[in-house]
PDB file of N, CA and C in Angstrom:
ATOM      1  N   MET A   1     -12.039 130.539 -30.960  1.00  0.00           N
ATOM      2  CA  MET A   1     -12.466 129.818 -32.129  1.00  0.00           C
ATOM      3  C   MET A   1     -11.444 129.942 -33.263  1.00  0.00           C
ATOM      4  N   ARG A   2     -10.905 131.142 -33.458  1.00  0.00           N
ATOM      5  CA  ARG A   2      -9.932 131.394 -34.517  1.00  0.00           C
ATOM      6  C   ARG A   2      -8.666 130.567 -34.278  1.00  0.00           C
ATOM      7  N   ILE A   3      -8.221 130.465 -33.032  1.00  0.00           N
ATOM      8  CA  ILE A   3      -7.027 129.684 -32.712  1.00  0.00           C
ATOM      9  C   ILE A   3      -7.254 128.206 -33.022  1.00  0.00           C
ATOM     10  N   GLN A   4      -8.446 127.704 -32.753  1.00  0.00           N
ATOM     11  CA  GLN A   4      -8.762 126.308 -33.053  1.00  0.00           C
ATOM     12  C   GLN A   4      -8.709 126.057 -34.566  1.00  0.00           C
ATOM     13  N   ILE A   5      -9.197 126.988 -35.358  1.00  0.00           N
ATOM     14  CA  ILE A   5      -9.164 126.839 -36.807  1.00  0.00           C
ATOM     15  C   ILE A   5      -7.722 126.842 -37.301  1.00  0.00           C
ATOM     16  N   ILE A   6      -6.913 127.743 -36.763  1.00  0.00           N
ATOM     17  CA  ILE A   6      -5.494 127.827 -37.149  1.00  0.00           C
ATOM     18  C   ILE A   6      -4.793 126.522 -36.777  1.00  0.00           C
ATOM     19  N   ASN A   7      -5.054 125.984 -35.593  1.00  0.00           N
ATOM     20  CA  ASN A   7      -4.451 124.721 -35.184  1.00  0.00           C
ATOM     21  C   ASN A   7      -4.906 123.559 -36.066  1.00  0.00           C
ATOM     22  N   LEU A   8      -6.184 123.580 -36.445  1.00  0.00           N
ATOM     23  CA  LEU A   8      -6.714 122.548 -37.329  1.00  0.00           C
ATOM     24  C   LEU A   8      -6.016 122.618 -38.704  1.00  0.00           C
ATOM     25  N   VAL A   9      -5.826 123.812 -39.216  1.00  0.00           N
ATOM     26  CA  VAL A   9      -5.124 123.986 -40.495  1.00  0.00           C
ATOM     27  C   VAL A   9      -3.687 123.480 -40.392  1.00  0.00           C
ATOM     28  N   LYS A  10      -3.015 123.776 -39.301  1.00  0.00           N
ATOM     29  CA  LYS A  10      -1.643 123.297 -39.097  1.00  0.00           C
ATOM     30  C   LYS A  10      -1.588 121.772 -39.070  1.00  0.00           C
ATOM     31  N   ILE A  11      -2.547 121.180 -38.388  1.00  0.00           N
ATOM     32  CA  ILE A  11      -2.586 119.708 -38.290  1.00  0.00           C
ATOM     33  C   ILE A  11      -2.839 119.109 -39.678  1.00  0.00           C
ATOM     34  N   LEU A  12      -3.783 119.670 -40.411  1.00  0.00           N
ATOM     35  CA  LEU A  12      -4.060 119.159 -41.753  1.00  0.00           C
ATOM     36  C   LEU A  12      -2.864 119.318 -42.688  1.00  0.00           C
ATOM     37  N   LEU A  13      -2.177 120.434 -42.591  1.00  0.00           N
ATOM     38  CA  LEU A  13      -0.972 120.636 -43.387  1.00  0.00           C
ATOM     39  C   LEU A  13       0.098 119.634 -43.029  1.00  0.00           C
ATOM     40  N   ALA A  14       0.293 119.402 -41.744  1.00  0.00           N
ATOM     41  CA  ALA A  14       1.306 118.429 -41.298  1.00  0.00           C
ATOM     42  C   ALA A  14       0.962 117.029 -41.795  1.00  0.00           C
ATOM     43  N   LEU A  15      -0.286 116.653 -41.725  1.00  0.00           N
ATOM     44  CA  LEU A  15      -0.713 115.328 -42.200  1.00  0.00           C
ATOM     45  C   LEU A  15      -0.528 115.203 -43.712  1.00  0.00           C
ATOM     46  N   THR A  16      -0.798 116.259 -44.435  1.00  0.00           N
ATOM     47  CA  THR A  16      -0.618 116.258 -45.884  1.00  0.00           C
ATOM     48  C   THR A  16       0.861 116.090 -46.238  1.00  0.00           C
ATOM     49  N   LEU A  17       1.722 116.831 -45.561  1.00  0.00           N
ATOM     50  CA  LEU A  17       3.154 116.715 -45.817  1.00  0.00           C
ATOM     51  C   LEU A  17       3.664 115.316 -45.456  1.00  0.00           C
ATOM     52  N   TYR A  18       3.209 114.791 -44.335  1.00  0.00           N
ATOM     53  CA  TYR A  18       3.607 113.451 -43.919  1.00  0.00           C
ATOM     54  C   TYR A  18       3.156 112.424 -44.950  1.00  0.00           C
ATOM     55  N   GLY A  19       1.908 112.559 -45.418  1.00  0.00           N
ATOM     56  CA  GLY A  19       1.389 111.638 -46.407  1.00  0.00           C
ATOM     57  C   GLY A  19       2.179 111.680 -47.713  1.00  0.00           C
ATOM     58  N   THR A  20       2.562 112.865 -48.126  1.00  0.00           N
ATOM     59  CA  THR A  20       3.360 113.023 -49.340  1.00  0.00           C
ATOM     60  C   THR A  20       4.729 112.361 -49.162  1.00  0.00           C
ATOM     61  N   PHE A  21       5.391 112.629 -48.042  1.00  0.00           N
ATOM     62  CA  PHE A  21       6.697 112.040 -47.774  1.00  0.00           C
ATOM     63  C   PHE A  21       6.598 110.532 -47.691  1.00  0.00           C
ATOM     64  N   SER A  22       5.585 110.047 -46.977  1.00  0.00           N
ATOM     65  CA  SER A  22       5.399 108.615 -46.806  1.00  0.00           C
ATOM     66  C   SER A  22       5.155 107.942 -48.149  1.00  0.00           C
ATOM     67  N   ALA A  23       4.340 108.540 -48.996  1.00  0.00           N
ATOM     68  CA  ALA A  23       4.056 107.964 -50.318  1.00  0.00           C
ATOM     69  C   ALA A  23       5.305 107.937 -51.179  1.00  0.00           C
ATOM     70  N   GLN A  24       6.124 108.999 -51.146  1.00  0.00           N
ATOM     71  CA  GLN A  24       7.354 109.039 -51.926  1.00  0.00           C
ATOM     72  C   GLN A  24       8.331 107.985 -51.427  1.00  0.00           C
ATOM     73  N   PHE A  25       8.444 107.811 -50.109  1.00  0.00           N
ATOM     74  CA  PHE A  25       9.334 106.801 -49.552  1.00  0.00           C
ATOM     75  C   PHE A  25       8.876 105.403 -49.979  1.00  0.00           C
ATOM     76  N   THR A  26       7.579 105.147 -49.940  1.00  0.00           N
ATOM     77  CA  THR A  26       7.055 103.857 -50.335  1.00  0.00           C
ATOM     78  C   THR A  26       7.321 103.606 -51.810  1.00  0.00           C
ATOM     79  N   LEU A  27       7.112 104.607 -52.663  1.00  0.00           N
ATOM     80  CA  LEU A  27       7.364 104.436 -54.084  1.00  0.00           C
ATOM     81  C   LEU A  27       8.833 104.144 -54.349  1.00  0.00           C
ATOM     82  N   ALA A  28       9.732 104.852 -53.678  1.00  0.00           N
ATOM     83  CA  ALA A  28      11.164 104.619 -53.856  1.00  0.00           C
ATOM     84  C   ALA A  28      11.534 103.221 -53.394  1.00  0.00           C
ATOM     85  N   SER A  29      11.012 102.796 -52.267  1.00  0.00           N
ATOM     86  CA  SER A  29      11.302 101.462 -51.757  1.00  0.00           C
ATOM     87  C   SER A  29      10.772 100.401 -52.693  1.00  0.00           C
ATOM     88  N   ASP A  30       9.564 100.609 -53.201  1.00  0.00           N
ATOM     89  CA  ASP A  30       8.993  99.653 -54.151  1.00  0.00           C
ATOM     90  C   ASP A  30       9.820  99.604 -55.424  1.00  0.00           C
ATOM     91  N   ARG A  31      10.291 100.751 -55.881  1.00  0.00           N
ATOM     92  CA  ARG A  31      11.111 100.774 -57.086  1.00  0.00           C
ATOM     93  C   ARG A  31      12.432 100.063 -56.843  1.00  0.00           C
ATOM     94  N   GLY A  32      13.028 100.256 -55.674  1.00  0.00           N
ATOM     95  CA  GLY A  32      14.253  99.553 -55.349  1.00  0.00           C
ATOM     96  C   GLY A  32      14.068  98.057 -55.359  1.00  0.00           C
ATOM     97  N   GLU A  33      12.955  97.599 -54.795  1.00  0.00           N
ATOM     98  CA  GLU A  33      12.652  96.160 -54.822  1.00  0.00           C
ATOM     99  C   GLU A  33      12.445  95.683 -56.252  1.00  0.00           C
ATOM    100  N   PHE A  34      11.709  96.446 -57.040  1.00  0.00           N
ATOM    101  CA  PHE A  34      11.476  96.084 -58.442  1.00  0.00           C
ATOM    102  C   PHE A  34      12.793  95.961 -59.200  1.00  0.00           C
ATOM    103  N   LEU A  35      13.670  96.950 -59.029  1.00  0.00           N
ATOM    104  CA  LEU A  35      14.959  96.935 -59.720  1.00  0.00           C
ATOM    105  C   LEU A  35      15.768  95.709 -59.306  1.00  0.00           C
ATOM    106  N   TYR A  36      15.819  95.441 -58.005  1.00  0.00           N
ATOM    107  CA  TYR A  36      16.606  94.291 -57.510  1.00  0.00           C
ATOM    108  C   TYR A  36      16.050  92.984 -58.076  1.00  0.00           C
ATOM    109  N   LYS A  37      14.756  92.804 -57.966  1.00  0.00           N
ATOM    110  CA  LYS A  37      14.161  91.534 -58.377  1.00  0.00           C
ATOM    111  C   LYS A  37      14.201  91.331 -59.891  1.00  0.00           C
ATOM    112  N   ASN A  38      14.227  92.412 -60.653  1.00  0.00           N
ATOM    113  CA  ASN A  38      14.213  92.275 -62.104  1.00  0.00           C
ATOM    114  C   ASN A  38      15.583  92.357 -62.763  1.00  0.00           C
ATOM    115  N   HIS A  39      16.593  92.768 -62.034  1.00  0.00           N
ATOM    116  CA  HIS A  39      17.925  92.896 -62.633  1.00  0.00           C
ATOM    117  C   HIS A  39      19.015  92.174 -61.858  1.00  0.00           C
ATOM    118  N   CYS A  40      18.957  92.164 -60.558  1.00  0.00           N
ATOM    119  CA  CYS A  40      20.021  91.595 -59.744  1.00  0.00           C
ATOM    120  C   CYS A  40      19.751  90.124 -59.418  1.00  0.00           C
ATOM    121  N   HIS A  41      18.501  89.792 -59.248  1.00  0.00           N
ATOM    122  CA  HIS A  41      18.112  88.456 -58.804  1.00  0.00           C
ATOM    123  C   HIS A  41      18.415  87.407 -59.873  1.00  0.00           C
ATOM    124  N   ASP A  42      18.630  87.841 -61.110  1.00  0.00           N
ATOM    125  CA  ASP A  42      18.959  86.885 -62.165  1.00  0.00           C
ATOM    126  C   ASP A  42      20.279  86.161 -61.878  1.00  0.00           C
ATOM    127  N   CYS A  43      21.245  86.893 -61.316  1.00  0.00           N
ATOM    128  CA  CYS A  43      22.561  86.309 -61.069  1.00  0.00           C
ATOM    129  C   CYS A  43      22.716  85.740 -59.652  1.00  0.00           C
ATOM    130  N   HIS A  44      21.993  86.317 -58.693  1.00  0.00           N
ATOM    131  CA  HIS A  44      22.072  85.814 -57.327  1.00  0.00           C
ATOM    132  C   HIS A  44      20.811  86.194 -56.560  1.00  0.00           C
ATOM    133  N   ASP A  45      20.538  85.433 -55.521  1.00  0.00           N
ATOM    134  CA  ASP A  45      19.396  85.784 -54.684  1.00  0.00           C
ATOM    135  C   ASP A  45      19.884  86.508 -53.431  1.00  0.00           C
ATOM    136  N   THR A  46      19.004  86.762 -52.518  1.00  0.00           N
ATOM    137  CA  THR A  46      19.368  87.551 -51.343  1.00  0.00           C
ATOM    138  C   THR A  46      20.322  86.821 -50.403  1.00  0.00           C
ATOM    139  N   ASP A  47      20.535  85.522 -50.582  1.00  0.00           N
ATOM    140  CA  ASP A  47      21.470  84.786 -49.728  1.00  0.00           C
ATOM    141  C   ASP A  47      22.876  85.360 -49.779  1.00  0.00           C
ATOM    142  N   VAL A  48      23.262  85.931 -50.897  1.00  0.00           N
ATOM    143  CA  VAL A  48      24.598  86.513 -51.032  1.00  0.00           C
ATOM    144  C   VAL A  48      24.815  87.645 -50.033  1.00  0.00           C
ATOM    145  N   HIS A  49      23.763  88.302 -49.611  1.00  0.00           N
ATOM    146  CA  HIS A  49      23.871  89.432 -48.708  1.00  0.00           C
ATOM    147  C   HIS A  49      23.976  89.025 -47.243  1.00  0.00           C
ATOM    148  N   VAL A  50      23.571  87.807 -46.907  1.00  0.00           N
ATOM    149  CA  VAL A  50      23.540  87.408 -45.502  1.00  0.00           C
ATOM    150  C   VAL A  50      24.598  86.354 -45.153  1.00  0.00           C
ATOM    151  N   ARG A  51      25.462  86.057 -46.070  1.00  0.00           N
ATOM    152  CA  ARG A  51      26.518  85.077 -45.768  1.00  0.00           C
ATOM    153  C   ARG A  51      27.472  85.629 -44.714  1.00  0.00           C
ATOM    154  N   GLU A  52      28.133  84.760 -44.000  1.00  0.00           N
ATOM    155  CA  GLU A  52      28.991  85.158 -42.891  1.00  0.00           C
ATOM    156  C   GLU A  52      30.107  86.097 -43.284  1.00  0.00           C
ATOM    157  N   ASN A  53      30.715  85.844 -44.408  1.00  0.00           N
ATOM    158  CA  ASN A  53      31.879  86.644 -44.811  1.00  0.00           C
ATOM    159  C   ASN A  53      31.511  87.765 -45.789  1.00  0.00           C
ATOM    160  N   ARG A  54      30.321  88.327 -45.633  1.00  0.00           N
ATOM    161  CA  ARG A  54      29.916  89.406 -46.544  1.00  0.00           C
ATOM    162  C   ARG A  54      30.872  90.600 -46.400  1.00  0.00           C
ATOM    163  N   ARG A  55      31.088  91.302 -47.491  1.00  0.00           N
ATOM    164  CA  ARG A  55      32.092  92.355 -47.495  1.00  0.00           C
ATOM    165  C   ARG A  55      31.532  93.715 -47.134  1.00  0.00           C
ATOM    166  N   VAL A  56      30.234  93.899 -47.198  1.00  0.00           N
ATOM    167  CA  VAL A  56      29.620  95.206 -46.938  1.00  0.00           C
ATOM    168  C   VAL A  56      29.460  95.397 -45.430  1.00  0.00           C
ATOM    169  N   THR A  57      30.072  96.457 -44.927  1.00  0.00           N
ATOM    170  CA  THR A  57      30.023  96.715 -43.475  1.00  0.00           C
ATOM    171  C   THR A  57      29.524  98.118 -43.137  1.00  0.00           C
ATOM    172  N   SER A  58      29.089  98.889 -44.154  1.00  0.00           N
ATOM    173  CA  SER A  58      28.597 100.251 -43.907  1.00  0.00           C
ATOM    174  C   SER A  58      27.671 100.653 -45.043  1.00  0.00           C
ATOM    175  N   PRO A  59      26.883 101.709 -44.835  1.00  0.00           N
ATOM    176  CA  PRO A  59      26.007 102.188 -45.907  1.00  0.00           C
ATOM    177  C   PRO A  59      26.797 102.649 -47.134  1.00  0.00           C
ATOM    178  N   GLN A  60      27.975 103.234 -46.904  1.00  0.00           N
ATOM    179  CA  GLN A  60      28.794 103.708 -48.003  1.00  0.00           C
ATOM    180  C   GLN A  60      29.313 102.531 -48.839  1.00  0.00           C
ATOM    181  N   GLU A  61      29.713 101.455 -48.170  1.00  0.00           N
ATOM    182  CA  GLU A  61      30.166 100.268 -48.892  1.00  0.00           C
ATOM    183  C   GLU A  61      29.018  99.598 -49.644  1.00  0.00           C
ATOM    184  N   LEU A  62      27.834  99.623 -49.054  1.00  0.00           N
ATOM    185  CA  LEU A  62      26.667  99.047 -49.728  1.00  0.00           C
ATOM    186  C   LEU A  62      26.407  99.796 -51.047  1.00  0.00           C
ATOM    187  N   ARG A  63      26.425 101.117 -50.987  1.00  0.00           N
ATOM    188  CA  ARG A  63      26.204 101.923 -52.189  1.00  0.00           C
ATOM    189  C   ARG A  63      27.313 101.640 -53.213  1.00  0.00           C
ATOM    190  N   ALA A  64      28.553 101.533 -52.751  1.00  0.00           N
ATOM    191  CA  ALA A  64      29.659 101.252 -53.663  1.00  0.00           C
ATOM    192  C   ALA A  64      29.492  99.908 -54.351  1.00  0.00           C
ATOM    193  N   TRP A  65      29.028  98.901 -53.620  1.00  0.00           N
ATOM    194  CA  TRP A  65      28.785  97.584 -54.218  1.00  0.00           C
ATOM    195  C   TRP A  65      27.647  97.649 -55.244  1.00  0.00           C
ATOM    196  N   VAL A  66      26.593  98.382 -54.907  1.00  0.00           N
ATOM    197  CA  VAL A  66      25.491  98.539 -55.859  1.00  0.00           C
ATOM    198  C   VAL A  66      26.004  99.174 -57.134  1.00  0.00           C
ATOM    199  N   VAL A  67      26.788 100.226 -57.014  1.00  0.00           N
ATOM    200  CA  VAL A  67      27.336 100.904 -58.184  1.00  0.00           C
ATOM    201  C   VAL A  67      28.244  99.945 -58.980  1.00  0.00           C
ATOM    202  N   SER A  68      29.061  99.188 -58.282  1.00  0.00           N
ATOM    203  CA  SER A  68      29.974  98.262 -58.998  1.00  0.00           C
ATOM    204  C   SER A  68      29.188  97.183 -59.739  1.00  0.00           C
ATOM    205  N   MET A  69      28.119  96.702 -59.156  1.00  0.00           N
ATOM    206  CA  MET A  69      27.311  95.695 -59.839  1.00  0.00           C
ATOM    207  C   MET A  69      26.557  96.292 -61.040  1.00  0.00           C
ATOM    208  N   ILE A  70      26.156  97.553 -60.927  1.00  0.00           N
ATOM    209  CA  ILE A  70      25.509  98.238 -62.041  1.00  0.00           C
ATOM    210  C   ILE A  70      26.485  98.378 -63.206  1.00  0.00           C
ATOM    211  N   VAL A  71      27.698  98.766 -62.899  1.00  0.00           N
ATOM    212  CA  VAL A  71      28.742  98.914 -63.937  1.00  0.00           C
ATOM    213  C   VAL A  71      29.038  97.554 -64.540  1.00  0.00           C
ATOM    214  N   HIS A  72      29.215  96.553 -63.681  1.00  0.00           N
ATOM    215  CA  HIS A  72      29.512  95.183 -64.157  1.00  0.00           C
ATOM    216  C   HIS A  72      28.412  94.652 -65.076  1.00  0.00           C
ATOM    217  N   SER A  73      27.162  94.953 -64.723  1.00  0.00           N
ATOM    218  CA  SER A  73      26.015  94.465 -65.500  1.00  0.00           C
ATOM    219  C   SER A  73      25.664  95.371 -66.671  1.00  0.00           C
ATOM    220  N   GLU A  74      26.379  96.486 -66.791  1.00  0.00           N
ATOM    221  CA  GLU A  74      26.163  97.459 -67.858  1.00  0.00           C
ATOM    222  C   GLU A  74      24.708  97.977 -67.886  1.00  0.00           C
ATOM    223  N   LEU A  75      24.187  98.254 -66.672  1.00  0.00           N
ATOM    224  CA  LEU A  75      22.838  98.806 -66.567  1.00  0.00           C
ATOM    225  C   LEU A  75      22.895 100.324 -66.660  1.00  0.00           C
ATOM    226  N   PRO A  76      21.979 100.944 -67.385  1.00  0.00           N
ATOM    227  CA  PRO A  76      21.993 102.394 -67.549  1.00  0.00           C
ATOM    228  C   PRO A  76      21.239 103.124 -66.442  1.00  0.00           C
ATOM    229  N   TRP A  77      21.567 102.843 -65.187  1.00  0.00           N
ATOM    230  CA  TRP A  77      20.845 103.436 -64.061  1.00  0.00           C
ATOM    231  C   TRP A  77      21.455 104.763 -63.676  1.00  0.00           C
ATOM    232  N   ASP A  78      20.594 105.662 -63.203  1.00  0.00           N
ATOM    233  CA  ASP A  78      21.051 106.960 -62.723  1.00  0.00           C
ATOM    234  C   ASP A  78      21.184 106.928 -61.183  1.00  0.00           C
ATOM    235  N   GLN A  79      21.545 108.071 -60.613  1.00  0.00           N
ATOM    236  CA  GLN A  79      21.783 108.166 -59.175  1.00  0.00           C
ATOM    237  C   GLN A  79      20.524 107.866 -58.356  1.00  0.00           C
ATOM    238  N   GLU A  80      19.374 108.216 -58.890  1.00  0.00           N
ATOM    239  CA  GLU A  80      18.116 107.952 -58.175  1.00  0.00           C
ATOM    240  C   GLU A  80      17.849 106.453 -58.076  1.00  0.00           C
ATOM    241  N   GLU A  81      18.127 105.743 -59.139  1.00  0.00           N
ATOM    242  CA  GLU A  81      17.940 104.298 -59.114  1.00  0.00           C
ATOM    243  C   GLU A  81      18.958 103.623 -58.195  1.00  0.00           C
ATOM    244  N   VAL A  82      20.176 104.136 -58.181  1.00  0.00           N
ATOM    245  CA  VAL A  82      21.194 103.632 -57.234  1.00  0.00           C
ATOM    246  C   VAL A  82      20.709 103.833 -55.808  1.00  0.00           C
ATOM    247  N   ALA A  83      20.179 105.026 -55.519  1.00  0.00           N
ATOM    248  CA  ALA A  83      19.678 105.319 -54.173  1.00  0.00           C
ATOM    249  C   ALA A  83      18.497 104.418 -53.816  1.00  0.00           C
ATOM    250  N   ASP A  84      17.611 104.184 -54.761  1.00  0.00           N
ATOM    251  CA  ASP A  84      16.428 103.352 -54.492  1.00  0.00           C
ATOM    252  C   ASP A  84      16.828 101.910 -54.165  1.00  0.00           C
ATOM    253  N   ILE A  85      17.700 101.337 -54.956  1.00  0.00           N
ATOM    254  CA  ILE A  85      18.074  99.942 -54.705  1.00  0.00           C
ATOM    255  C   ILE A  85      18.941  99.826 -53.441  1.00  0.00           C
ATOM    256  N   THR A  86      19.791 100.812 -53.206  1.00  0.00           N
ATOM    257  CA  THR A  86      20.580 100.821 -51.966  1.00  0.00           C
ATOM    258  C   THR A  86      19.671 100.910 -50.749  1.00  0.00           C
ATOM    259  N   ALA A  87      18.674 101.781 -50.807  1.00  0.00           N
ATOM    260  CA  ALA A  87      17.730 101.920 -49.707  1.00  0.00           C
ATOM    261  C   ALA A  87      16.933 100.632 -49.504  1.00  0.00           C
ATOM    262  N   TYR A  88      16.522 100.002 -50.582  1.00  0.00           N
ATOM    263  CA  TYR A  88      15.786  98.745 -50.479  1.00  0.00           C
ATOM    264  C   TYR A  88      16.635  97.677 -49.785  1.00  0.00           C
ATOM    265  N   LEU A  89      17.876  97.520 -50.231  1.00  0.00           N
ATOM    266  CA  LEU A  89      18.749  96.507 -49.616  1.00  0.00           C
ATOM    267  C   LEU A  89      19.025  96.816 -48.151  1.00  0.00           C
ATOM    268  N   ASN A  90      19.237  98.088 -47.833  1.00  0.00           N
ATOM    269  CA  ASN A  90      19.495  98.450 -46.458  1.00  0.00           C
ATOM    270  C   ASN A  90      18.266  98.209 -45.583  1.00  0.00           C
ATOM    271  N   ARG A  91      17.104  98.571 -46.107  1.00  0.00           N
ATOM    272  CA  ARG A  91      15.877  98.424 -45.333  1.00  0.00           C
ATOM    273  C   ARG A  91      15.525  96.955 -45.103  1.00  0.00           C
ATOM    274  N   THR A  92      15.769  96.108 -46.064  1.00  0.00           N
ATOM    275  CA  THR A  92      15.314  94.718 -45.969  1.00  0.00           C
ATOM    276  C   THR A  92      16.380  93.740 -45.487  1.00  0.00           C
ATOM    277  N   ILE A  93      17.666  94.101 -45.651  1.00  0.00           N
ATOM    278  CA  ILE A  93      18.716  93.130 -45.325  1.00  0.00           C
ATOM    279  C   ILE A  93      19.762  93.681 -44.345  1.00  0.00           C
ATOM    280  N   TYR A  94      20.357  94.808 -44.668  1.00  0.00           N
ATOM    281  CA  TYR A  94      21.531  95.270 -43.929  1.00  0.00           C
ATOM    282  C   TYR A  94      21.225  96.023 -42.641  1.00  0.00           C
ATOM    283  N   HIS A  95      20.232  96.850 -42.659  1.00  0.00           N
ATOM    284  CA  HIS A  95      19.800  97.620 -41.455  1.00  0.00           C
ATOM    285  C   HIS A  95      20.903  98.506 -40.894  1.00  0.00           C
ATOM    286  N   PHE A  96      21.663  99.151 -41.745  1.00  0.00           N
ATOM    287  CA  PHE A  96      22.659 100.124 -41.291  1.00  0.00           C
ATOM    288  C   PHE A  96      21.953 101.407 -40.877  1.00  0.00           C
ATOM    289  N   THR A  97      22.529 102.082 -39.893  1.00  0.00           N
ATOM    290  CA  THR A  97      22.017 103.422 -39.570  1.00  0.00           C
ATOM    291  C   THR A  97      22.875 104.428 -40.318  1.00  0.00           C
ATOM    292  N   GLU A  98      22.243 105.472 -40.751  1.00  0.00           N
ATOM    293  CA  GLU A  98      22.960 106.519 -41.525  1.00  0.00           C
ATOM    294  C   GLU A  98      23.815 107.365 -40.630  1.00  0.00           C
TER     295      GLU A  98
END
């Protein structure tokens, strides 16, 4: 009986940790989408990312382009916002593996 309770506690802890991670990932992805749609979409839509001669060929280049556009647009974003928008673009358009 004691082993079953310990296993149940482990399962509940694992589910709690998974739920926390999953919620944080969803919030970051949603924030990345929000940032893109409210700041980047003014100048271009997502078609720029899927054109044949796109310049981004890796996750590192994607991040570099995000940073360059932030500098160009004079947005006061920090590293977390850069990561969020980069993750959003990778998840929805580029599909690079890390």
